[in-house]
Amino acid sequence: MKKVLIAAAALACSFGASAYADGTVTGIVGGAATGAIVGGPVGAAVGGVVGGITGAAIDPPPREVVTYVQQAPAPEQPVVIQQPVAVGRELPADVVVTPVPENPHYGYVVMGQQRVIVEPHSHKVVQIIQ
């Protein structure tokens, strides 16, 4: 069991120098913690690897995009979605995404008190702002 935890820790450290460091390390740590709760040491190792892959897949948006979305006026009609919204999940195709003018790679949706940054072409959630 100790070997599995040591291997997971070594894997986590090896991602630290990569270009995907922020998202990957966050994914590894979150995945390992969740895996440890559910499956003990083996779950921690598996969760760390899966979390690292997921974290590398979704990079956080640039600070300028987050600031714009936080300060932009809310659309007149807030969006209501019946499914859970989470980073990495896609919003329904009929949801209208408001583009970020200075960065066309991002758009946003306002749902109640949440502002959700999404990729306009895929409707994939990139970040949720409370």
C-alpha atoms as a PDB file:
ATOM      1  CA  MET A   1       0.000   0.000   0.000  1.00  0.00           C
ATOM      2  CA  LYS A   2       2.830   2.406   0.791  1.00  0.00           C
ATOM      3  CA  LYS A   3       4.285   1.808  -2.664  1.00  0.00           C
ATOM      4  CA  VAL A   4       1.013   2.868  -4.262  1.00  0.00           C
ATOM      5  CA  LEU A   5       0.922   6.112  -2.266  1.00  0.00           C
ATOM      6  CA  ILE A   6       4.575   6.831  -3.048  1.00  0.00           C
ATOM      7  CA  ALA A   7       3.909   6.241  -6.746  1.00  0.00           C
ATOM      8  CA  ALA A   8       0.904   8.578  -6.640  1.00  0.00           C
ATOM      9  CA  ALA A   9       2.951  11.278  -4.907  1.00  0.00           C
ATOM     10  CA  ALA A  10       5.757  10.887  -7.444  1.00  0.00           C
ATOM     11  CA  LEU A  11       3.259  11.172 -10.267  1.00  0.00           C
ATOM     12  CA  ALA A  12       1.809  14.330  -8.740  1.00  0.00           C
ATOM     13  CA  CYS A  13       5.250  15.898  -8.440  1.00  0.00           C
ATOM     14  CA  SER A  14       6.197  14.989 -12.000  1.00  0.00           C
ATOM     15  CA  PHE A  15       3.321  17.054 -13.354  1.00  0.00           C
ATOM     16  CA  GLY A  16       4.494  20.137 -11.448  1.00  0.00           C
ATOM     17  CA  ALA A  17       6.903  21.161 -14.199  1.00  0.00           C
ATOM     18  CA  SER A  18       4.551  20.592 -17.114  1.00  0.00           C
ATOM     19  CA  ALA A  19       2.709  23.258 -19.049  1.00  0.00           C
ATOM     20  CA  TYR A  20      -0.541  22.060 -17.518  1.00  0.00           C
ATOM     21  CA  ALA A  21       0.700  22.404 -13.958  1.00  0.00           C
ATOM     22  CA  ASP A  22      -2.146  24.400 -12.411  1.00  0.00           C
ATOM     23  CA  GLY A  23      -5.049  22.341 -13.680  1.00  0.00           C
ATOM     24  CA  THR A  24      -3.216  19.030 -13.520  1.00  0.00           C
ATOM     25  CA  VAL A  25      -1.932  19.395  -9.975  1.00  0.00           C
ATOM     26  CA  THR A  26      -5.323  20.590  -8.792  1.00  0.00           C
ATOM     27  CA  GLY A  27      -6.910  17.614 -10.536  1.00  0.00           C
ATOM     28  CA  ILE A  28      -4.420  15.179  -9.036  1.00  0.00           C
ATOM     29  CA  VAL A  29      -4.909  16.473  -5.520  1.00  0.00           C
ATOM     30  CA  GLY A  30      -8.699  16.548  -5.786  1.00  0.00           C
ATOM     31  CA  GLY A  31      -8.855  13.145  -7.452  1.00  0.00           C
ATOM     32  CA  ALA A  32      -6.517  11.575  -4.924  1.00  0.00           C
ATOM     33  CA  ALA A  33      -8.484  12.976  -1.990  1.00  0.00           C
ATOM     34  CA  THR A  34     -11.782  11.747  -3.391  1.00  0.00           C
ATOM     35  CA  GLY A  35     -10.287   8.382  -4.291  1.00  0.00           C
ATOM     36  CA  ALA A  36      -8.809   7.965  -0.819  1.00  0.00           C
ATOM     37  CA  ILE A  37     -12.175   8.586   0.788  1.00  0.00           C
ATOM     38  CA  VAL A  38     -13.955   6.140  -1.490  1.00  0.00           C
ATOM     39  CA  GLY A  39     -11.329   3.460  -2.030  1.00  0.00           C
ATOM     40  CA  GLY A  40      -8.482   3.898   0.439  1.00  0.00           C
ATOM     41  CA  PRO A  41      -4.851   3.981  -0.770  1.00  0.00           C
ATOM     42  CA  VAL A  42      -5.566   2.274  -4.086  1.00  0.00           C
ATOM     43  CA  GLY A  43      -8.462   4.670  -4.672  1.00  0.00           C
ATOM     44  CA  ALA A  44      -6.120   7.580  -3.953  1.00  0.00           C
ATOM     45  CA  ALA A  45      -3.687   6.441  -6.637  1.00  0.00           C
ATOM     46  CA  VAL A  46      -6.395   5.861  -9.241  1.00  0.00           C
ATOM     47  CA  GLY A  47      -8.194   9.092  -8.324  1.00  0.00           C
ATOM     48  CA  GLY A  48      -4.952  11.037  -8.606  1.00  0.00           C
ATOM     49  CA  VAL A  49      -4.271   9.780 -12.115  1.00  0.00           C
ATOM     50  CA  VAL A  50      -7.850  10.373 -13.314  1.00  0.00           C
ATOM     51  CA  GLY A  51      -7.954  13.782 -11.636  1.00  0.00           C
ATOM     52  CA  GLY A  52      -4.656  14.744 -13.250  1.00  0.00           C
ATOM     53  CA  ILE A  53      -5.942  13.875 -16.685  1.00  0.00           C
ATOM     54  CA  THR A  54      -9.163  15.810 -16.100  1.00  0.00           C
ATOM     55  CA  GLY A  55      -7.318  18.805 -14.647  1.00  0.00           C
ATOM     56  CA  ALA A  56      -5.012  18.969 -17.659  1.00  0.00           C
ATOM     57  CA  ALA A  57      -7.979  18.886 -20.030  1.00  0.00           C
ATOM     58  CA  ILE A  58      -9.628  22.051 -18.708  1.00  0.00           C
ATOM     59  CA  ASP A  59      -7.366  25.019 -18.245  1.00  0.00           C
ATOM     60  CA  PRO A  60      -8.764  27.965 -16.290  1.00  0.00           C
ATOM     61  CA  PRO A  61      -9.602  31.062 -18.337  1.00  0.00           C
ATOM     62  CA  PRO A  62      -7.290  34.093 -18.313  1.00  0.00           C
ATOM     63  CA  ARG A  63      -7.774  36.560 -15.452  1.00  0.00           C
ATOM     64  CA  GLU A  64      -9.063  39.226 -17.862  1.00  0.00           C
ATOM     65  CA  VAL A  65     -11.912  36.932 -18.928  1.00  0.00           C
ATOM     66  CA  VAL A  66     -12.887  36.188 -15.317  1.00  0.00           C
ATOM     67  CA  THR A  67     -12.852  39.910 -14.479  1.00  0.00           C
ATOM     68  CA  TYR A  68     -14.977  40.750 -17.526  1.00  0.00           C
ATOM     69  CA  VAL A  69     -17.550  38.078 -16.689  1.00  0.00           C
ATOM     70  CA  GLN A  70     -17.712  39.206 -13.052  1.00  0.00           C
ATOM     71  CA  GLN A  71     -18.375  42.823 -14.077  1.00  0.00           C
ATOM     72  CA  ALA A  72     -20.547  42.332 -17.167  1.00  0.00           C
ATOM     73  CA  PRO A  73     -24.231  43.178 -16.820  1.00  0.00           C
ATOM     74  CA  ALA A  74     -26.522  40.199 -16.448  1.00  0.00           C
ATOM     75  CA  PRO A  75     -28.742  39.450 -19.434  1.00  0.00           C
ATOM     76  CA  GLU A  76     -32.422  40.301 -19.034  1.00  0.00           C
ATOM     77  CA  GLN A  77     -33.411  36.633 -19.068  1.00  0.00           C
ATOM     78  CA  PRO A  78     -31.384  34.489 -16.643  1.00  0.00           C
ATOM     79  CA  VAL A  79     -30.761  30.924 -17.750  1.00  0.00           C
ATOM     80  CA  VAL A  80     -32.476  28.060 -15.946  1.00  0.00           C
ATOM     81  CA  ILE A  81     -31.034  24.576 -16.395  1.00  0.00           C
ATOM     82  CA  GLN A  82     -32.569  21.461 -14.862  1.00  0.00           C
ATOM     83  CA  GLN A  83     -29.303  19.489 -14.767  1.00  0.00           C
ATOM     84  CA  PRO A  84     -26.328  19.979 -12.437  1.00  0.00           C
ATOM     85  CA  VAL A  85     -23.710  22.405 -13.739  1.00  0.00           C
ATOM     86  CA  ALA A  86     -20.072  21.427 -13.207  1.00  0.00           C
ATOM     87  CA  VAL A  87     -16.688  22.248 -14.707  1.00  0.00           C
ATOM     88  CA  GLY A  88     -16.060  19.979 -17.672  1.00  0.00           C
ATOM     89  CA  ARG A  89     -19.732  19.280 -18.356  1.00  0.00           C
ATOM     90  CA  GLU A  90     -21.546  20.649 -21.376  1.00  0.00           C
ATOM     91  CA  LEU A  91     -24.537  22.939 -21.107  1.00  0.00           C
ATOM     92  CA  PRO A  92     -27.554  22.098 -23.285  1.00  0.00           C
ATOM     93  CA  ALA A  93     -27.163  23.217 -26.895  1.00  0.00           C
ATOM     94  CA  ASP A  94     -30.164  25.561 -26.655  1.00  0.00           C
ATOM     95  CA  VAL A  95     -28.547  27.695 -23.929  1.00  0.00           C
ATOM     96  CA  VAL A  96     -27.613  31.124 -25.299  1.00  0.00           C
ATOM     97  CA  VAL A  97     -23.988  31.926 -24.501  1.00  0.00           C
ATOM     98  CA  THR A  98     -22.970  35.598 -24.358  1.00  0.00           C
ATOM     99  CA  PRO A  99     -19.531  36.024 -25.940  1.00  0.00           C
ATOM    100  CA  VAL A 100     -16.619  37.744 -24.190  1.00  0.00           C
ATOM    101  CA  PRO A 101     -15.789  40.556 -26.671  1.00  0.00           C
ATOM    102  CA  GLU A 102     -12.038  40.645 -26.109  1.00  0.00           C
ATOM    103  CA  ASN A 103     -11.577  36.865 -26.162  1.00  0.00           C
ATOM    104  CA  PRO A 104     -13.798  34.855 -28.533  1.00  0.00           C
ATOM    105  CA  HIS A 105     -12.579  31.566 -27.008  1.00  0.00           C
ATOM    106  CA  TYR A 106     -14.848  32.226 -24.015  1.00  0.00           C
ATOM    107  CA  GLY A 107     -18.440  33.121 -23.349  1.00  0.00           C
ATOM    108  CA  TYR A 108     -20.636  33.226 -20.274  1.00  0.00           C
ATOM    109  CA  VAL A 109     -24.066  32.410 -18.947  1.00  0.00           C
ATOM    110  CA  VAL A 110     -25.751  33.866 -15.852  1.00  0.00           C
ATOM    111  CA  MET A 111     -27.795  31.407 -13.784  1.00  0.00           C
ATOM    112  CA  GLY A 112     -29.201  32.984 -10.629  1.00  0.00           C
ATOM    113  CA  GLN A 113     -26.212  34.176  -8.587  1.00  0.00           C
ATOM    114  CA  GLN A 114     -23.730  32.126 -10.626  1.00  0.00           C
ATOM    115  CA  ARG A 115     -21.830  33.292 -13.644  1.00  0.00           C
ATOM    116  CA  VAL A 116     -20.572  30.386 -15.701  1.00  0.00           C
ATOM    117  CA  ILE A 117     -17.675  30.736 -18.141  1.00  0.00           C
ATOM    118  CA  VAL A 118     -18.019  28.369 -21.088  1.00  0.00           C
ATOM    119  CA  GLU A 119     -16.367  27.498 -24.387  1.00  0.00           C
ATOM    120  CA  PRO A 120     -18.895  28.877 -26.913  1.00  0.00           C
ATOM    121  CA  HIS A 121     -18.319  26.234 -29.588  1.00  0.00           C
ATOM    122  CA  SER A 122     -18.718  23.208 -27.286  1.00  0.00           C
ATOM    123  CA  HIS A 123     -20.791  24.734 -24.440  1.00  0.00           C
ATOM    124  CA  LYS A 124     -18.343  23.075 -22.042  1.00  0.00           C
ATOM    125  CA  VAL A 125     -18.197  24.717 -18.599  1.00  0.00           C
ATOM    126  CA  VAL A 126     -14.729  26.111 -17.894  1.00  0.00           C
ATOM    127  CA  GLN A 127     -15.310  27.909 -14.580  1.00  0.00           C
ATOM    128  CA  ILE A 128     -18.161  28.715 -12.212  1.00  0.00           C
ATOM    129  CA  ILE A 129     -18.091  32.086 -10.437  1.00  0.00           C
ATOM    130  CA  GLN A 130     -20.256  32.339  -7.308  1.00  0.00           C
END
